[in-house]
Amino acid sequence: MNAIITVVGADKVGIIARVSAFLAERNINIEDISQTILSGNFVMMMAVDLSKSGGDLEAVKAELSALGASLGVSISLMHEKVFQAMHRI
């Protein structure tokens, strides 16, 4: 199962490291990643593969949200098909 993770918030040291470690601990593979700083805000988008994680999507979403709160950023996860449908032109 593929999903899209977005991370948005004030830039600070360690955001990529903490999110990447979270994913690695749950056997979630990062397939593609893009990040930039826009007007002082950290913005990252990741395409991930959850097929080997064995976890529940809703549980991972909740854990990522909690991680984001601890980092002072907003982290969201949505199924790839939902993301594609939302951004179809």
N, C-alpha and C. Protein backbone atom coordinates (compact mmCIF):
# COMPACT_ATOMS: atom_id res chain seq x y z
N MET A 1 0.83 -1.18 0.00
CA MET A 1 0.00 0.00 0.00
C MET A 1 0.87 1.24 0.00
N ASN A 2 0.58 2.15 -0.90
CA ASN A 2 1.35 3.39 -0.99
C ASN A 2 0.57 4.54 -0.41
N ALA A 3 1.30 5.49 0.17
CA ALA A 3 0.67 6.65 0.79
C ALA A 3 1.57 7.87 0.59
N ILE A 4 1.00 9.03 0.85
CA ILE A 4 1.72 10.30 0.78
C ILE A 4 1.74 10.91 2.18
N ILE A 5 2.92 11.31 2.60
CA ILE A 5 3.10 12.00 3.89
C ILE A 5 3.53 13.42 3.60
N THR A 6 2.88 14.38 4.25
CA THR A 6 3.30 15.77 4.14
C THR A 6 3.67 16.28 5.53
N VAL A 7 4.71 17.10 5.55
CA VAL A 7 5.20 17.70 6.80
C VAL A 7 5.35 19.20 6.54
N VAL A 8 4.70 20.02 7.36
CA VAL A 8 4.75 21.47 7.17
C VAL A 8 4.90 22.13 8.54
N GLY A 9 5.80 23.09 8.62
CA GLY A 9 5.95 23.84 9.86
C GLY A 9 7.22 24.65 9.88
N ALA A 10 7.47 25.26 11.00
CA ALA A 10 8.68 26.06 11.17
C ALA A 10 9.91 25.17 11.03
N ASP A 11 10.90 25.66 10.29
CA ASP A 11 12.11 24.89 10.07
C ASP A 11 12.93 24.80 11.35
N LYS A 12 13.45 23.60 11.61
CA LYS A 12 14.34 23.39 12.75
C LYS A 12 15.15 22.12 12.49
N VAL A 13 16.22 21.97 13.19
CA VAL A 13 17.10 20.82 13.06
C VAL A 13 16.38 19.54 13.48
N GLY A 14 16.53 18.48 12.68
CA GLY A 14 16.08 17.16 13.09
C GLY A 14 14.75 16.68 12.56
N ILE A 15 14.03 17.49 11.82
CA ILE A 15 12.72 17.06 11.34
C ILE A 15 12.84 15.84 10.45
N ILE A 16 13.68 15.91 9.43
CA ILE A 16 13.84 14.78 8.52
C ILE A 16 14.34 13.55 9.27
N ALA A 17 15.29 13.74 10.15
CA ALA A 17 15.85 12.61 10.91
C ALA A 17 14.77 11.93 11.75
N ARG A 18 13.95 12.69 12.45
CA ARG A 18 12.92 12.10 13.32
C ARG A 18 11.84 11.38 12.52
N VAL A 19 11.39 12.01 11.42
CA VAL A 19 10.35 11.38 10.60
C VAL A 19 10.90 10.12 9.94
N SER A 20 12.12 10.20 9.41
CA SER A 20 12.74 9.03 8.78
C SER A 20 12.93 7.89 9.77
N ALA A 21 13.37 8.21 10.99
CA ALA A 21 13.55 7.17 12.01
C ALA A 21 12.22 6.53 12.37
N PHE A 22 11.17 7.33 12.49
CA PHE A 22 9.83 6.81 12.77
C PHE A 22 9.42 5.79 11.71
N LEU A 23 9.62 6.16 10.45
CA LEU A 23 9.24 5.27 9.35
C LEU A 23 10.08 3.99 9.35
N ALA A 24 11.38 4.12 9.55
CA ALA A 24 12.27 2.96 9.56
C ALA A 24 11.90 1.99 10.68
N GLU A 25 11.55 2.51 11.84
CA GLU A 25 11.16 1.67 12.98
C GLU A 25 9.92 0.85 12.67
N ARG A 26 9.10 1.32 11.75
CA ARG A 26 7.85 0.64 11.40
C ARG A 26 7.93 -0.07 10.05
N ASN A 27 9.15 -0.19 9.52
CA ASN A 27 9.39 -0.87 8.24
C ASN A 27 8.59 -0.24 7.10
N ILE A 28 8.49 1.08 7.13
CA ILE A 28 7.82 1.84 6.08
C ILE A 28 8.92 2.43 5.19
N ASN A 29 8.89 2.06 3.91
CA ASN A 29 9.93 2.47 2.98
C ASN A 29 9.61 3.81 2.33
N ILE A 30 10.59 4.71 2.31
CA ILE A 30 10.45 5.98 1.60
C ILE A 30 10.82 5.72 0.15
N GLU A 31 9.86 5.92 -0.76
CA GLU A 31 10.11 5.68 -2.18
C GLU A 31 10.51 6.95 -2.92
N ASP A 32 10.05 8.09 -2.44
CA ASP A 32 10.41 9.37 -3.05
C ASP A 32 10.25 10.44 -1.98
N ILE A 33 11.09 11.46 -2.05
CA ILE A 33 11.04 12.52 -1.05
C ILE A 33 11.43 13.84 -1.69
N SER A 34 10.74 14.89 -1.27
CA SER A 34 11.04 16.24 -1.72
C SER A 34 10.86 17.16 -0.53
N GLN A 35 11.80 18.07 -0.35
CA GLN A 35 11.67 19.03 0.74
C GLN A 35 12.25 20.35 0.32
N THR A 36 11.70 21.40 0.89
CA THR A 36 12.17 22.74 0.61
C THR A 36 11.84 23.64 1.80
N ILE A 37 12.38 24.82 1.78
CA ILE A 37 12.05 25.84 2.77
C ILE A 37 11.36 26.96 2.00
N LEU A 38 10.12 27.26 2.38
CA LEU A 38 9.35 28.33 1.74
C LEU A 38 9.06 29.40 2.78
N SER A 39 9.65 30.57 2.60
CA SER A 39 9.44 31.69 3.53
C SER A 39 9.66 31.29 4.98
N GLY A 40 10.70 30.50 5.22
CA GLY A 40 11.04 30.07 6.57
C GLY A 40 10.27 28.86 7.06
N ASN A 41 9.37 28.35 6.25
CA ASN A 41 8.60 27.16 6.61
C ASN A 41 9.18 25.93 5.94
N PHE A 42 9.32 24.88 6.73
CA PHE A 42 9.79 23.59 6.23
C PHE A 42 8.61 22.90 5.56
N VAL A 43 8.81 22.41 4.34
CA VAL A 43 7.76 21.70 3.61
C VAL A 43 8.38 20.43 3.03
N MET A 44 7.81 19.27 3.37
CA MET A 44 8.33 18.00 2.86
C MET A 44 7.16 17.13 2.41
N MET A 45 7.37 16.44 1.31
CA MET A 45 6.39 15.48 0.81
C MET A 45 7.14 14.17 0.56
N MET A 46 6.55 13.08 1.02
CA MET A 46 7.16 11.76 0.86
C MET A 46 6.14 10.79 0.28
N ALA A 47 6.58 9.99 -0.69
CA ALA A 47 5.79 8.85 -1.15
C ALA A 47 6.37 7.65 -0.42
N VAL A 48 5.51 6.90 0.29
CA VAL A 48 5.97 5.79 1.10
C VAL A 48 5.21 4.51 0.77
N ASP A 49 5.86 3.39 1.05
CA ASP A 49 5.27 2.06 0.86
C ASP A 49 5.06 1.45 2.24
N LEU A 50 3.80 1.21 2.60
CA LEU A 50 3.46 0.64 3.90
C LEU A 50 3.21 -0.85 3.84
N SER A 51 3.43 -1.48 2.70
CA SER A 51 3.05 -2.89 2.52
C SER A 51 3.77 -3.84 3.47
N LYS A 52 4.96 -3.49 3.92
CA LYS A 52 5.71 -4.37 4.82
C LYS A 52 5.62 -3.94 6.28
N SER A 53 4.86 -2.89 6.53
CA SER A 53 4.78 -2.38 7.90
C SER A 53 3.87 -3.21 8.79
N GLY A 54 2.88 -3.85 8.19
CA GLY A 54 1.96 -4.65 8.98
C GLY A 54 1.08 -3.82 9.91
N GLY A 55 1.15 -2.51 9.76
CA GLY A 55 0.39 -1.64 10.65
C GLY A 55 -0.91 -1.17 10.04
N ASP A 56 -1.75 -0.64 10.90
CA ASP A 56 -3.03 -0.07 10.52
C ASP A 56 -2.80 1.38 10.09
N LEU A 57 -3.34 1.75 8.93
CA LEU A 57 -3.16 3.10 8.40
C LEU A 57 -3.60 4.16 9.40
N GLU A 58 -4.73 3.96 10.03
CA GLU A 58 -5.23 4.94 10.99
C GLU A 58 -4.31 5.07 12.20
N ALA A 59 -3.73 3.97 12.65
CA ALA A 59 -2.80 4.01 13.77
C ALA A 59 -1.54 4.78 13.39
N VAL A 60 -1.03 4.53 12.19
CA VAL A 60 0.17 5.24 11.73
C VAL A 60 -0.14 6.73 11.60
N LYS A 61 -1.32 7.07 11.08
CA LYS A 61 -1.72 8.48 10.97
C LYS A 61 -1.70 9.16 12.34
N ALA A 62 -2.27 8.49 13.33
CA ALA A 62 -2.33 9.05 14.68
C ALA A 62 -0.93 9.22 15.27
N GLU A 63 -0.07 8.22 15.06
CA GLU A 63 1.29 8.30 15.58
C GLU A 63 2.08 9.42 14.90
N LEU A 64 1.89 9.58 13.58
CA LEU A 64 2.57 10.66 12.86
C LEU A 64 2.07 12.02 13.34
N SER A 65 0.78 12.13 13.59
CA SER A 65 0.23 13.38 14.09
C SER A 65 0.85 13.73 15.45
N ALA A 66 0.99 12.73 16.31
CA ALA A 66 1.61 12.96 17.62
C ALA A 66 3.08 13.34 17.47
N LEU A 67 3.77 12.69 16.55
CA LEU A 67 5.17 13.04 16.29
C LEU A 67 5.26 14.48 15.82
N GLY A 68 4.38 14.86 14.92
CA GLY A 68 4.36 16.24 14.43
C GLY A 68 4.16 17.23 15.55
N ALA A 69 3.23 16.93 16.46
CA ALA A 69 2.98 17.82 17.59
C ALA A 69 4.24 17.98 18.44
N SER A 70 4.97 16.88 18.63
CA SER A 70 6.19 16.96 19.44
C SER A 70 7.29 17.76 18.74
N LEU A 71 7.23 17.80 17.41
CA LEU A 71 8.23 18.55 16.63
C LEU A 71 7.77 19.98 16.32
N GLY A 72 6.53 20.29 16.60
CA GLY A 72 6.00 21.61 16.28
C GLY A 72 5.67 21.78 14.82
N VAL A 73 5.37 20.68 14.13
CA VAL A 73 4.99 20.72 12.72
C VAL A 73 3.70 19.93 12.54
N SER A 74 3.10 20.09 11.38
CA SER A 74 1.91 19.32 11.04
C SER A 74 2.32 18.18 10.10
N ILE A 75 1.98 16.94 10.47
CA ILE A 75 2.28 15.78 9.64
C ILE A 75 0.97 15.10 9.29
N SER A 76 0.76 14.88 8.00
CA SER A 76 -0.45 14.17 7.58
C SER A 76 -0.07 13.02 6.66
N LEU A 77 -0.92 12.01 6.64
CA LEU A 77 -0.72 10.84 5.80
C LEU A 77 -2.04 10.53 5.13
N MET A 78 -1.99 10.29 3.82
CA MET A 78 -3.20 9.87 3.12
C MET A 78 -2.85 8.82 2.08
N HIS A 79 -3.79 7.94 1.85
CA HIS A 79 -3.61 6.90 0.85
C HIS A 79 -3.30 7.56 -0.48
N GLU A 80 -2.40 6.98 -1.25
CA GLU A 80 -1.97 7.54 -2.53
C GLU A 80 -3.15 7.81 -3.47
N LYS A 81 -4.13 6.92 -3.49
CA LYS A 81 -5.28 7.10 -4.39
C LYS A 81 -6.11 8.32 -3.99
N VAL A 82 -6.24 8.56 -2.71
CA VAL A 82 -6.96 9.74 -2.24
C VAL A 82 -6.20 11.00 -2.66
N PHE A 83 -4.89 10.98 -2.47
CA PHE A 83 -4.06 12.12 -2.84
C PHE A 83 -4.18 12.41 -4.34
N GLN A 84 -4.09 11.36 -5.16
CA GLN A 84 -4.19 11.53 -6.61
C GLN A 84 -5.55 12.08 -7.02
N ALA A 85 -6.61 11.59 -6.39
CA ALA A 85 -7.95 12.07 -6.70
C ALA A 85 -8.10 13.54 -6.33
N MET A 86 -7.52 13.95 -5.22
CA MET A 86 -7.62 15.33 -4.77
C MET A 86 -6.86 16.29 -5.68
N HIS A 87 -5.80 15.79 -6.32
CA HIS A 87 -4.93 16.67 -7.11
C HIS A 87 -5.03 16.42 -8.61
N ARG A 88 -6.08 15.73 -9.02
CA ARG A 88 -6.30 15.51 -10.46
C ARG A 88 -6.81 16.79 -11.09
N ILE A 89 -6.25 17.10 -12.24
CA ILE A 89 -6.68 18.34 -12.94
C ILE A 89 -7.56 17.95 -14.10
